[in-house]
Amino acid sequence: MSKHHEELTGPAARAAALEALMKEKGLVTDEFIDAVVETYSEKVGPRNGARVVAKAWVDAAYLERLLANGKDAIAELGFEGPEGDVVAVCNTDDVHNVVVCTLCSCYPWTVLGLPPAWYKSPEYRARMVREPLTLLAEMGCDVPDDVEVRVWDSSAEKRYLVVPQRPDGTDGLDEDKLADVVTRDSMIGVARL
């Protein structure tokens, strides 16, 4: 292992060791690894979802198409993936949406990237269904008592994308700046902007 890899700790060190071993065995090349990194940093991920949300915030017709057929509306922006249907749900003053997958970790990778470890945890998957307000509060997402919480259960056939409420004070921002405001966690529904 190189000196650079020796300075790494935890998951980074394990990933570097695994990468070195796979290259040594001839299973992967630097070019392959670079292509995977490019895919997950530029073609797949939460930046795509943020661009979808920003477009929905500024274009009512696009929002309508997104709510009618999420997968097709997302594809309009050039983001396509292997997921089945993608259903967009909007947070409002009266409703806060949150997404979970109770069976495994179904997740719209194209617009959210790789699922965070907590999303895949049995505790999150069980508690979000049983006690969403408590778990959201523990995650730092305080939902007012008078707001209905809707929990959406993803599956292999149907994935969900939360369109968070547009924050106050963002009226003068263009789509690119609005996309900078959107977070992955707000598109899962475990954060409010």
N, C-alpha and C. Protein backbone atom coordinates (compact mmCIF):
# COMPACT_ATOMS: atom_id res chain seq x y z
N MET A 1 0.85 -1.17 0.00
CA MET A 1 0.00 0.00 0.00
C MET A 1 0.90 1.23 0.00
N SER A 2 0.51 2.27 -0.75
CA SER A 2 1.33 3.47 -0.86
C SER A 2 1.31 4.26 0.44
N LYS A 3 2.28 5.19 0.59
CA LYS A 3 2.33 6.05 1.77
C LYS A 3 1.02 6.83 1.90
N HIS A 4 0.45 7.28 0.77
CA HIS A 4 -0.83 8.01 0.80
C HIS A 4 -1.92 7.16 1.44
N HIS A 5 -1.98 5.89 1.08
CA HIS A 5 -3.01 5.01 1.64
C HIS A 5 -2.77 4.74 3.12
N GLU A 6 -1.48 4.72 3.56
CA GLU A 6 -1.19 4.49 4.97
C GLU A 6 -1.71 5.63 5.84
N GLU A 7 -1.84 6.84 5.29
CA GLU A 7 -2.31 7.99 6.07
C GLU A 7 -3.82 7.98 6.21
N LEU A 8 -4.52 7.20 5.41
CA LEU A 8 -5.98 7.14 5.48
C LEU A 8 -6.41 6.29 6.67
N THR A 9 -7.62 6.57 7.16
CA THR A 9 -8.16 5.78 8.26
C THR A 9 -9.60 5.41 7.95
N GLY A 10 -10.13 4.45 8.70
CA GLY A 10 -11.54 4.08 8.60
C GLY A 10 -11.95 3.64 7.21
N PRO A 11 -13.15 4.05 6.79
CA PRO A 11 -13.67 3.62 5.48
C PRO A 11 -12.78 4.03 4.32
N ALA A 12 -12.13 5.18 4.41
CA ALA A 12 -11.26 5.63 3.32
C ALA A 12 -10.08 4.67 3.14
N ALA A 13 -9.53 4.22 4.25
CA ALA A 13 -8.41 3.27 4.19
C ALA A 13 -8.87 1.93 3.62
N ARG A 14 -10.04 1.47 4.04
CA ARG A 14 -10.57 0.20 3.52
C ARG A 14 -10.83 0.30 2.02
N ALA A 15 -11.41 1.44 1.59
CA ALA A 15 -11.69 1.62 0.16
C ALA A 15 -10.39 1.64 -0.64
N ALA A 16 -9.38 2.32 -0.14
CA ALA A 16 -8.09 2.39 -0.83
C ALA A 16 -7.45 1.00 -0.91
N ALA A 17 -7.54 0.23 0.18
CA ALA A 17 -6.97 -1.12 0.18
C ALA A 17 -7.71 -2.03 -0.80
N LEU A 18 -9.02 -1.91 -0.83
CA LEU A 18 -9.83 -2.71 -1.76
C LEU A 18 -9.51 -2.33 -3.21
N GLU A 19 -9.39 -1.03 -3.46
CA GLU A 19 -9.04 -0.57 -4.81
C GLU A 19 -7.68 -1.12 -5.23
N ALA A 20 -6.70 -1.04 -4.34
CA ALA A 20 -5.35 -1.54 -4.66
C ALA A 20 -5.37 -3.04 -4.95
N LEU A 21 -6.10 -3.80 -4.14
CA LEU A 21 -6.19 -5.24 -4.33
C LEU A 21 -6.87 -5.58 -5.66
N MET A 22 -7.95 -4.89 -5.97
CA MET A 22 -8.67 -5.15 -7.23
C MET A 22 -7.81 -4.82 -8.44
N LYS A 23 -7.02 -3.74 -8.34
CA LYS A 23 -6.11 -3.40 -9.44
C LYS A 23 -4.99 -4.44 -9.56
N GLU A 24 -4.47 -4.85 -8.42
CA GLU A 24 -3.40 -5.85 -8.41
C GLU A 24 -3.87 -7.16 -9.04
N LYS A 25 -5.09 -7.56 -8.81
CA LYS A 25 -5.66 -8.80 -9.37
C LYS A 25 -6.14 -8.61 -10.81
N GLY A 26 -6.06 -7.39 -11.32
CA GLY A 26 -6.47 -7.13 -12.69
C GLY A 26 -7.98 -7.04 -12.88
N LEU A 27 -8.71 -6.83 -11.80
CA LEU A 27 -10.17 -6.77 -11.89
C LEU A 27 -10.66 -5.39 -12.33
N VAL A 28 -9.91 -4.34 -12.02
CA VAL A 28 -10.28 -2.98 -12.43
C VAL A 28 -9.04 -2.22 -12.88
N THR A 29 -9.28 -1.19 -13.64
CA THR A 29 -8.21 -0.30 -14.07
C THR A 29 -8.48 1.10 -13.52
N ASP A 30 -7.46 1.95 -13.59
CA ASP A 30 -7.66 3.34 -13.17
C ASP A 30 -8.74 4.01 -14.00
N GLU A 31 -8.78 3.67 -15.29
CA GLU A 31 -9.78 4.27 -16.18
C GLU A 31 -11.20 3.86 -15.76
N PHE A 32 -11.37 2.61 -15.37
CA PHE A 32 -12.68 2.15 -14.91
C PHE A 32 -13.10 2.89 -13.64
N ILE A 33 -12.18 2.98 -12.70
CA ILE A 33 -12.47 3.68 -11.44
C ILE A 33 -12.80 5.14 -11.71
N ASP A 34 -12.04 5.78 -12.59
CA ASP A 34 -12.33 7.18 -12.93
C ASP A 34 -13.72 7.32 -13.56
N ALA A 35 -14.11 6.37 -14.39
CA ALA A 35 -15.44 6.43 -15.02
C ALA A 35 -16.55 6.27 -13.99
N VAL A 36 -16.36 5.39 -13.02
CA VAL A 36 -17.36 5.22 -11.96
C VAL A 36 -17.46 6.49 -11.13
N VAL A 37 -16.32 7.06 -10.76
CA VAL A 37 -16.32 8.30 -9.97
C VAL A 37 -17.02 9.41 -10.75
N GLU A 38 -16.73 9.52 -12.05
CA GLU A 38 -17.37 10.55 -12.87
C GLU A 38 -18.88 10.34 -12.92
N THR A 39 -19.29 9.10 -13.08
CA THR A 39 -20.73 8.81 -13.14
C THR A 39 -21.42 9.26 -11.87
N TYR A 40 -20.85 8.92 -10.70
CA TYR A 40 -21.52 9.24 -9.45
C TYR A 40 -21.28 10.66 -8.98
N SER A 41 -20.37 11.39 -9.60
CA SER A 41 -20.18 12.78 -9.22
C SER A 41 -20.81 13.75 -10.21
N GLU A 42 -20.98 13.32 -11.47
CA GLU A 42 -21.49 14.24 -12.47
C GLU A 42 -22.79 13.81 -13.12
N LYS A 43 -23.02 12.51 -13.27
CA LYS A 43 -24.20 12.04 -13.99
C LYS A 43 -25.30 11.53 -13.08
N VAL A 44 -24.96 11.13 -11.88
CA VAL A 44 -25.91 10.57 -10.93
C VAL A 44 -25.67 11.30 -9.61
N GLY A 45 -26.73 11.68 -8.94
CA GLY A 45 -26.52 12.23 -7.62
C GLY A 45 -27.43 13.37 -7.24
N PRO A 46 -27.26 13.85 -6.02
CA PRO A 46 -28.16 14.86 -5.49
C PRO A 46 -28.12 16.19 -6.24
N ARG A 47 -27.06 16.48 -6.94
CA ARG A 47 -27.03 17.72 -7.74
C ARG A 47 -28.10 17.65 -8.83
N ASN A 48 -28.31 16.46 -9.40
CA ASN A 48 -29.37 16.29 -10.39
C ASN A 48 -30.74 16.57 -9.76
N GLY A 49 -30.98 15.99 -8.60
CA GLY A 49 -32.24 16.22 -7.91
C GLY A 49 -32.44 17.69 -7.58
N ALA A 50 -31.38 18.35 -7.15
CA ALA A 50 -31.46 19.78 -6.83
C ALA A 50 -31.85 20.59 -8.07
N ARG A 51 -31.34 20.19 -9.22
CA ARG A 51 -31.70 20.89 -10.46
C ARG A 51 -33.16 20.65 -10.82
N VAL A 52 -33.66 19.44 -10.56
CA VAL A 52 -35.08 19.13 -10.79
C VAL A 52 -35.94 20.00 -9.89
N VAL A 53 -35.60 20.06 -8.62
CA VAL A 53 -36.37 20.86 -7.66
C VAL A 53 -36.34 22.34 -8.04
N ALA A 54 -35.17 22.86 -8.36
CA ALA A 54 -35.06 24.27 -8.73
C ALA A 54 -35.93 24.59 -9.95
N LYS A 55 -35.91 23.70 -10.93
CA LYS A 55 -36.75 23.89 -12.13
C LYS A 55 -38.23 23.90 -11.73
N ALA A 56 -38.62 22.99 -10.84
CA ALA A 56 -40.01 22.93 -10.39
C ALA A 56 -40.41 24.19 -9.64
N TRP A 57 -39.48 24.78 -8.92
CA TRP A 57 -39.77 26.01 -8.17
C TRP A 57 -40.02 27.21 -9.09
N VAL A 58 -39.36 27.24 -10.25
CA VAL A 58 -39.47 28.42 -11.11
C VAL A 58 -40.39 28.21 -12.32
N ASP A 59 -40.79 26.98 -12.58
CA ASP A 59 -41.57 26.69 -13.78
C ASP A 59 -42.80 25.85 -13.39
N ALA A 60 -43.95 26.51 -13.27
CA ALA A 60 -45.17 25.83 -12.83
C ALA A 60 -45.57 24.71 -13.78
N ALA A 61 -45.36 24.89 -15.07
CA ALA A 61 -45.71 23.84 -16.04
C ALA A 61 -44.80 22.62 -15.84
N TYR A 62 -43.52 22.86 -15.55
CA TYR A 62 -42.62 21.74 -15.28
C TYR A 62 -43.04 21.02 -14.00
N LEU A 63 -43.38 21.76 -12.96
CA LEU A 63 -43.84 21.14 -11.72
C LEU A 63 -45.06 20.26 -11.98
N GLU A 64 -45.96 20.74 -12.79
CA GLU A 64 -47.16 19.94 -13.13
C GLU A 64 -46.76 18.63 -13.81
N ARG A 65 -45.82 18.72 -14.76
CA ARG A 65 -45.36 17.51 -15.45
C ARG A 65 -44.63 16.58 -14.48
N LEU A 66 -43.85 17.16 -13.56
CA LEU A 66 -43.11 16.37 -12.58
C LEU A 66 -44.07 15.60 -11.68
N LEU A 67 -45.14 16.25 -11.26
CA LEU A 67 -46.11 15.59 -10.40
C LEU A 67 -46.92 14.54 -11.16
N ALA A 68 -47.15 14.77 -12.45
CA ALA A 68 -47.92 13.82 -13.26
C ALA A 68 -47.11 12.59 -13.64
N ASN A 69 -45.83 12.78 -13.96
CA ASN A 69 -44.97 11.67 -14.38
C ASN A 69 -43.53 12.05 -14.09
N GLY A 70 -43.11 11.72 -12.87
CA GLY A 70 -41.78 12.13 -12.41
C GLY A 70 -40.65 11.64 -13.29
N LYS A 71 -40.70 10.39 -13.68
CA LYS A 71 -39.60 9.82 -14.48
C LYS A 71 -39.43 10.57 -15.79
N ASP A 72 -40.54 10.85 -16.49
CA ASP A 72 -40.46 11.56 -17.76
C ASP A 72 -40.01 13.01 -17.58
N ALA A 73 -40.52 13.68 -16.54
CA ALA A 73 -40.12 15.07 -16.31
C ALA A 73 -38.64 15.16 -15.94
N ILE A 74 -38.16 14.21 -15.16
CA ILE A 74 -36.74 14.19 -14.80
C ILE A 74 -35.90 13.93 -16.05
N ALA A 75 -36.38 13.05 -16.93
CA ALA A 75 -35.66 12.76 -18.18
C ALA A 75 -35.59 13.99 -19.08
N GLU A 76 -36.57 14.89 -18.99
CA GLU A 76 -36.52 16.14 -19.77
C GLU A 76 -35.24 16.92 -19.49
N LEU A 77 -34.73 16.80 -18.28
CA LEU A 77 -33.51 17.51 -17.90
C LEU A 77 -32.26 16.69 -18.18
N GLY A 78 -32.44 15.53 -18.80
CA GLY A 78 -31.30 14.70 -19.18
C GLY A 78 -30.87 13.69 -18.13
N PHE A 79 -31.70 13.49 -17.10
CA PHE A 79 -31.35 12.55 -16.04
C PHE A 79 -32.22 11.32 -16.16
N GLU A 80 -31.59 10.21 -16.52
CA GLU A 80 -32.32 8.95 -16.67
C GLU A 80 -31.55 7.85 -15.98
N GLY A 81 -32.30 6.92 -15.40
CA GLY A 81 -31.66 5.82 -14.72
C GLY A 81 -32.51 4.57 -14.77
N PRO A 82 -32.06 3.54 -14.10
CA PRO A 82 -32.75 2.25 -14.17
C PRO A 82 -33.97 2.15 -13.26
N GLU A 83 -34.23 3.18 -12.46
CA GLU A 83 -35.36 3.10 -11.54
C GLU A 83 -36.67 2.92 -12.31
N GLY A 84 -37.66 2.37 -11.61
CA GLY A 84 -39.01 2.31 -12.17
C GLY A 84 -39.60 3.70 -12.15
N ASP A 85 -40.85 3.80 -11.77
CA ASP A 85 -41.49 5.11 -11.67
C ASP A 85 -40.80 5.94 -10.59
N VAL A 86 -40.71 7.24 -10.83
CA VAL A 86 -40.27 8.18 -9.81
C VAL A 86 -41.44 9.11 -9.57
N VAL A 87 -41.93 9.11 -8.35
CA VAL A 87 -43.08 9.92 -7.98
C VAL A 87 -42.58 11.12 -7.17
N ALA A 88 -42.95 12.31 -7.63
CA ALA A 88 -42.59 13.52 -6.90
C ALA A 88 -43.75 13.91 -5.99
N VAL A 89 -43.43 14.26 -4.77
CA VAL A 89 -44.41 14.73 -3.79
C VAL A 89 -43.92 16.06 -3.24
N CYS A 90 -44.83 17.01 -3.08
CA CYS A 90 -44.45 18.37 -2.67
C CYS A 90 -44.76 18.64 -1.21
N ASN A 91 -43.79 19.21 -0.53
CA ASN A 91 -44.04 19.72 0.81
C ASN A 91 -44.79 21.04 0.69
N THR A 92 -45.72 21.26 1.62
CA THR A 92 -46.52 22.49 1.65
C THR A 92 -46.55 23.00 3.09
N ASP A 93 -47.27 24.07 3.32
CA ASP A 93 -47.44 24.56 4.68
C ASP A 93 -48.17 23.54 5.55
N ASP A 94 -48.98 22.69 4.93
CA ASP A 94 -49.82 21.74 5.67
C ASP A 94 -49.32 20.30 5.66
N VAL A 95 -48.40 19.97 4.73
CA VAL A 95 -47.96 18.59 4.57
C VAL A 95 -46.43 18.54 4.46
N HIS A 96 -45.84 17.62 5.23
CA HIS A 96 -44.41 17.35 5.12
C HIS A 96 -44.25 15.89 4.70
N ASN A 97 -43.59 15.65 3.60
CA ASN A 97 -43.38 14.31 3.06
C ASN A 97 -41.99 13.80 3.44
N VAL A 98 -41.92 12.50 3.68
CA VAL A 98 -40.65 11.86 3.96
C VAL A 98 -40.66 10.48 3.30
N VAL A 99 -39.48 10.03 2.87
CA VAL A 99 -39.36 8.78 2.12
C VAL A 99 -38.57 7.76 2.93
N VAL A 100 -39.00 6.51 2.80
CA VAL A 100 -38.35 5.38 3.43
C VAL A 100 -38.52 4.18 2.50
N CYS A 101 -37.70 3.18 2.67
CA CYS A 101 -37.94 1.90 2.01
C CYS A 101 -37.91 0.86 3.11
N THR A 102 -39.07 0.34 3.45
CA THR A 102 -39.15 -0.59 4.59
C THR A 102 -38.59 -1.97 4.28
N LEU A 103 -38.49 -2.35 3.02
CA LEU A 103 -37.99 -3.68 2.67
C LEU A 103 -36.49 -3.75 2.52
N CYS A 104 -35.90 -2.72 1.93
CA CYS A 104 -34.45 -2.75 1.70
C CYS A 104 -33.93 -1.32 1.69
N SER A 105 -33.57 -0.82 0.53
CA SER A 105 -33.10 0.57 0.45
C SER A 105 -33.35 1.14 -0.94
N CYS A 106 -34.54 0.88 -1.49
CA CYS A 106 -34.87 1.43 -2.81
C CYS A 106 -34.80 2.95 -2.75
N TYR A 107 -34.21 3.51 -3.78
CA TYR A 107 -33.81 4.92 -3.70
C TYR A 107 -33.59 5.42 -5.12
N PRO A 108 -34.01 6.63 -5.47
CA PRO A 108 -33.81 7.13 -6.84
C PRO A 108 -32.38 7.64 -7.06
N TRP A 109 -31.47 6.73 -7.35
CA TRP A 109 -30.05 7.05 -7.48
C TRP A 109 -29.79 8.17 -8.48
N THR A 110 -30.53 8.18 -9.56
CA THR A 110 -30.28 9.16 -10.62
C THR A 110 -30.36 10.58 -10.09
N VAL A 111 -31.30 10.84 -9.19
CA VAL A 111 -31.48 12.20 -8.69
C VAL A 111 -30.98 12.40 -7.26
N LEU A 112 -30.67 11.33 -6.55
CA LEU A 112 -30.19 11.49 -5.18
C LEU A 112 -28.82 10.87 -4.93
N GLY A 113 -28.28 10.14 -5.88
CA GLY A 113 -26.98 9.51 -5.69
C GLY A 113 -27.12 8.25 -4.86
N LEU A 114 -26.04 7.86 -4.24
CA LEU A 114 -26.04 6.66 -3.41
C LEU A 114 -26.78 6.94 -2.10
N PRO A 115 -27.55 5.98 -1.61
CA PRO A 115 -28.28 6.22 -0.36
C PRO A 115 -27.32 6.31 0.82
N PRO A 116 -27.61 7.23 1.75
CA PRO A 116 -26.77 7.31 2.95
C PRO A 116 -26.94 6.05 3.80
N ALA A 117 -25.95 5.76 4.62
CA ALA A 117 -25.99 4.55 5.45
C ALA A 117 -27.22 4.53 6.36
N TRP A 118 -27.59 5.67 6.92
CA TRP A 118 -28.74 5.69 7.83
C TRP A 118 -30.03 5.32 7.10
N TYR A 119 -30.14 5.65 5.81
CA TYR A 119 -31.35 5.33 5.04
C TYR A 119 -31.54 3.82 4.95
N LYS A 120 -30.44 3.08 4.90
CA LYS A 120 -30.48 1.62 4.78
C LYS A 120 -30.60 0.91 6.12
N SER A 121 -30.47 1.65 7.21
CA SER A 121 -30.45 1.01 8.53
C SER A 121 -31.84 0.50 8.91
N PRO A 122 -31.89 -0.67 9.55
CA PRO A 122 -33.18 -1.21 10.02
C PRO A 122 -33.90 -0.24 10.96
N GLU A 123 -33.16 0.49 11.78
CA GLU A 123 -33.78 1.43 12.72
C GLU A 123 -34.53 2.53 11.97
N TYR A 124 -33.89 3.15 10.98
CA TYR A 124 -34.57 4.20 10.20
C TYR A 124 -35.79 3.61 9.50
N ARG A 125 -35.61 2.46 8.86
CA ARG A 125 -36.70 1.86 8.08
C ARG A 125 -37.90 1.53 8.95
N ALA A 126 -37.69 1.10 10.17
CA ALA A 126 -38.80 0.74 11.05
C ALA A 126 -39.39 1.97 11.75
N ARG A 127 -38.52 2.80 12.28
CA ARG A 127 -39.00 3.93 13.09
C ARG A 127 -39.67 5.01 12.26
N MET A 128 -39.26 5.20 11.02
CA MET A 128 -39.88 6.26 10.22
C MET A 128 -41.35 5.94 9.98
N VAL A 129 -41.69 4.69 9.93
CA VAL A 129 -43.08 4.29 9.74
C VAL A 129 -43.85 4.40 11.06
N ARG A 130 -43.24 3.94 12.15
CA ARG A 130 -43.91 3.90 13.45
C ARG A 130 -44.00 5.25 14.14
N GLU A 131 -42.92 6.01 14.11
CA GLU A 131 -42.85 7.27 14.85
C GLU A 131 -42.11 8.35 14.06
N PRO A 132 -42.69 8.77 12.93
CA PRO A 132 -41.98 9.70 12.06
C PRO A 132 -41.64 11.04 12.73
N LEU A 133 -42.56 11.62 13.49
CA LEU A 133 -42.27 12.92 14.11
C LEU A 133 -41.11 12.83 15.09
N THR A 134 -41.07 11.77 15.87
CA THR A 134 -39.99 11.60 16.84
C THR A 134 -38.66 11.42 16.12
N LEU A 135 -38.63 10.55 15.13
CA LEU A 135 -37.38 10.30 14.41
C LEU A 135 -36.94 11.54 13.64
N LEU A 136 -37.86 12.24 13.00
CA LEU A 136 -37.49 13.47 12.29
C LEU A 136 -36.87 14.47 13.25
N ALA A 137 -37.48 14.63 14.43
CA ALA A 137 -36.93 15.57 15.42
C ALA A 137 -35.53 15.14 15.85
N GLU A 138 -35.32 13.85 16.05
CA GLU A 138 -33.99 13.35 16.42
C GLU A 138 -32.97 13.62 15.32
N MET A 139 -33.43 13.68 14.07
CA MET A 139 -32.54 13.93 12.94
C MET A 139 -32.38 15.43 12.68
N GLY A 140 -32.99 16.25 13.55
CA GLY A 140 -32.84 17.71 13.42
C GLY A 140 -33.88 18.36 12.53
N CYS A 141 -34.92 17.64 12.20
CA CYS A 141 -35.98 18.15 11.33
C CYS A 141 -37.24 18.32 12.16
N ASP A 142 -37.44 19.52 12.64
CA ASP A 142 -38.62 19.80 13.47
C ASP A 142 -39.79 20.16 12.58
N VAL A 143 -40.82 19.34 12.64
CA VAL A 143 -42.04 19.57 11.87
C VAL A 143 -43.09 20.07 12.85
N PRO A 144 -43.69 21.23 12.58
CA PRO A 144 -44.72 21.75 13.49
C PRO A 144 -45.86 20.75 13.71
N ASP A 145 -46.45 20.79 14.90
CA ASP A 145 -47.51 19.85 15.28
C ASP A 145 -48.71 19.90 14.35
N ASP A 146 -48.98 21.06 13.75
CA ASP A 146 -50.16 21.20 12.89
C ASP A 146 -49.91 20.79 11.44
N VAL A 147 -48.71 20.26 11.16
CA VAL A 147 -48.37 19.80 9.81
C VAL A 147 -48.49 18.29 9.75
N GLU A 148 -49.22 17.81 8.75
CA GLU A 148 -49.38 16.36 8.54
C GLU A 148 -48.09 15.79 7.95
N VAL A 149 -47.63 14.68 8.52
CA VAL A 149 -46.46 13.99 7.98
C VAL A 149 -46.95 12.79 7.17
N ARG A 150 -46.51 12.74 5.91
CA ARG A 150 -46.84 11.60 5.04
C ARG A 150 -45.56 10.83 4.76
N VAL A 151 -45.59 9.55 5.08
CA VAL A 151 -44.44 8.68 4.87
C VAL A 151 -44.69 7.86 3.61
N TRP A 152 -43.76 7.94 2.67
CA TRP A 152 -43.86 7.23 1.39
C TRP A 152 -42.87 6.07 1.39
N ASP A 153 -43.36 4.88 1.11
CA ASP A 153 -42.55 3.68 1.13
C ASP A 153 -42.11 3.32 -0.30
N SER A 154 -40.83 3.51 -0.57
CA SER A 154 -40.28 3.19 -1.89
C SER A 154 -40.26 1.70 -2.12
N SER A 155 -40.23 1.33 -3.39
CA SER A 155 -40.11 -0.07 -3.77
C SER A 155 -39.27 -0.15 -5.04
N ALA A 156 -39.01 -1.35 -5.49
CA ALA A 156 -38.24 -1.52 -6.72
C ALA A 156 -38.97 -0.92 -7.92
N GLU A 157 -40.30 -0.88 -7.86
CA GLU A 157 -41.08 -0.34 -8.97
C GLU A 157 -41.36 1.15 -8.85
N LYS A 158 -41.35 1.68 -7.62
CA LYS A 158 -41.73 3.08 -7.42
C LYS A 158 -40.81 3.73 -6.39
N ARG A 159 -40.14 4.79 -6.83
CA ARG A 159 -39.25 5.57 -5.95
C ARG A 159 -39.86 6.96 -5.78
N TYR A 160 -39.48 7.65 -4.72
CA TYR A 160 -40.06 8.96 -4.41
C TYR A 160 -38.99 10.04 -4.33
N LEU A 161 -39.39 11.24 -4.73
CA LEU A 161 -38.56 12.43 -4.62
C LEU A 161 -39.41 13.51 -3.96
N VAL A 162 -38.95 14.02 -2.83
CA VAL A 162 -39.66 15.10 -2.15
C VAL A 162 -39.22 16.42 -2.78
N VAL A 163 -40.20 17.24 -3.16
CA VAL A 163 -39.94 18.61 -3.60
C VAL A 163 -40.13 19.48 -2.37
N PRO A 164 -39.03 19.91 -1.74
CA PRO A 164 -39.18 20.72 -0.53
C PRO A 164 -39.79 22.08 -0.85
N GLN A 165 -40.30 22.73 0.20
CA GLN A 165 -40.81 24.07 0.00
C GLN A 165 -39.67 25.01 -0.33
N ARG A 166 -39.93 25.93 -1.22
CA ARG A 166 -38.93 26.93 -1.57
C ARG A 166 -38.74 27.87 -0.38
N PRO A 167 -37.52 28.06 0.06
CA PRO A 167 -37.28 28.90 1.24
C PRO A 167 -37.59 30.38 0.97
N ASP A 168 -38.02 31.05 2.01
CA ASP A 168 -38.23 32.49 1.93
C ASP A 168 -36.91 33.16 1.59
N GLY A 169 -36.99 34.28 0.90
CA GLY A 169 -35.80 35.05 0.57
C GLY A 169 -35.05 34.57 -0.64
N THR A 170 -35.65 33.66 -1.43
CA THR A 170 -34.95 33.14 -2.61
C THR A 170 -35.60 33.61 -3.91
N ASP A 171 -36.48 34.59 -3.82
CA ASP A 171 -37.21 35.04 -5.01
C ASP A 171 -36.31 35.54 -6.13
N GLY A 172 -35.20 36.18 -5.81
CA GLY A 172 -34.34 36.73 -6.85
C GLY A 172 -33.31 35.77 -7.40
N LEU A 173 -33.31 34.53 -6.95
CA LEU A 173 -32.28 33.58 -7.38
C LEU A 173 -32.69 32.87 -8.67
N ASP A 174 -31.70 32.64 -9.55
CA ASP A 174 -31.97 31.87 -10.76
C ASP A 174 -31.90 30.37 -10.42
N GLU A 175 -32.17 29.53 -11.42
CA GLU A 175 -32.21 28.08 -11.18
C GLU A 175 -30.90 27.53 -10.62
N ASP A 176 -29.76 28.00 -11.13
CA ASP A 176 -28.48 27.49 -10.63
C ASP A 176 -28.29 27.81 -9.16
N LYS A 177 -28.60 29.04 -8.77
CA LYS A 177 -28.45 29.44 -7.36
C LYS A 177 -29.48 28.71 -6.49
N LEU A 178 -30.68 28.52 -7.01
CA LEU A 178 -31.70 27.78 -6.25
C LEU A 178 -31.25 26.33 -6.03
N ALA A 179 -30.64 25.73 -7.05
CA ALA A 179 -30.17 24.36 -6.91
C ALA A 179 -29.12 24.25 -5.80
N ASP A 180 -28.35 25.31 -5.58
CA ASP A 180 -27.35 25.31 -4.52
C ASP A 180 -27.98 25.26 -3.13
N VAL A 181 -29.25 25.67 -3.03
CA VAL A 181 -29.96 25.71 -1.75
C VAL A 181 -30.51 24.33 -1.36
N VAL A 182 -30.78 23.51 -2.37
CA VAL A 182 -31.44 22.22 -2.16
C VAL A 182 -30.43 21.19 -1.65
N THR A 183 -30.83 20.41 -0.64
CA THR A 183 -29.96 19.37 -0.09
C THR A 183 -30.55 17.99 -0.37
N ARG A 184 -29.69 17.00 -0.37
CA ARG A 184 -30.15 15.62 -0.53
C ARG A 184 -31.18 15.28 0.53
N ASP A 185 -30.89 15.65 1.78
CA ASP A 185 -31.79 15.29 2.88
C ASP A 185 -33.15 15.96 2.75
N SER A 186 -33.20 17.15 2.15
CA SER A 186 -34.51 17.80 1.95
C SER A 186 -35.32 17.07 0.89
N MET A 187 -34.64 16.40 -0.04
CA MET A 187 -35.35 15.65 -1.09
C MET A 187 -35.76 14.25 -0.63
N ILE A 188 -35.26 13.84 0.53
CA ILE A 188 -35.72 12.61 1.19
C ILE A 188 -36.82 12.98 2.17
N GLY A 189 -36.75 14.21 2.67
CA GLY A 189 -37.76 14.69 3.61
C GLY A 189 -37.32 14.68 5.05
N VAL A 190 -36.04 14.41 5.31
CA VAL A 190 -35.55 14.40 6.68
C VAL A 190 -34.93 15.74 7.07
N ALA A 191 -35.05 16.74 6.20
CA ALA A 191 -34.59 18.09 6.48
C ALA A 191 -35.55 19.07 5.84
N ARG A 192 -35.64 20.25 6.44
CA ARG A 192 -36.44 21.33 5.87
C ARG A 192 -35.47 22.45 5.52
N LEU A 193 -35.75 23.13 4.43
CA LEU A 193 -34.87 24.22 4.01
C LEU A 193 -35.28 25.51 4.67
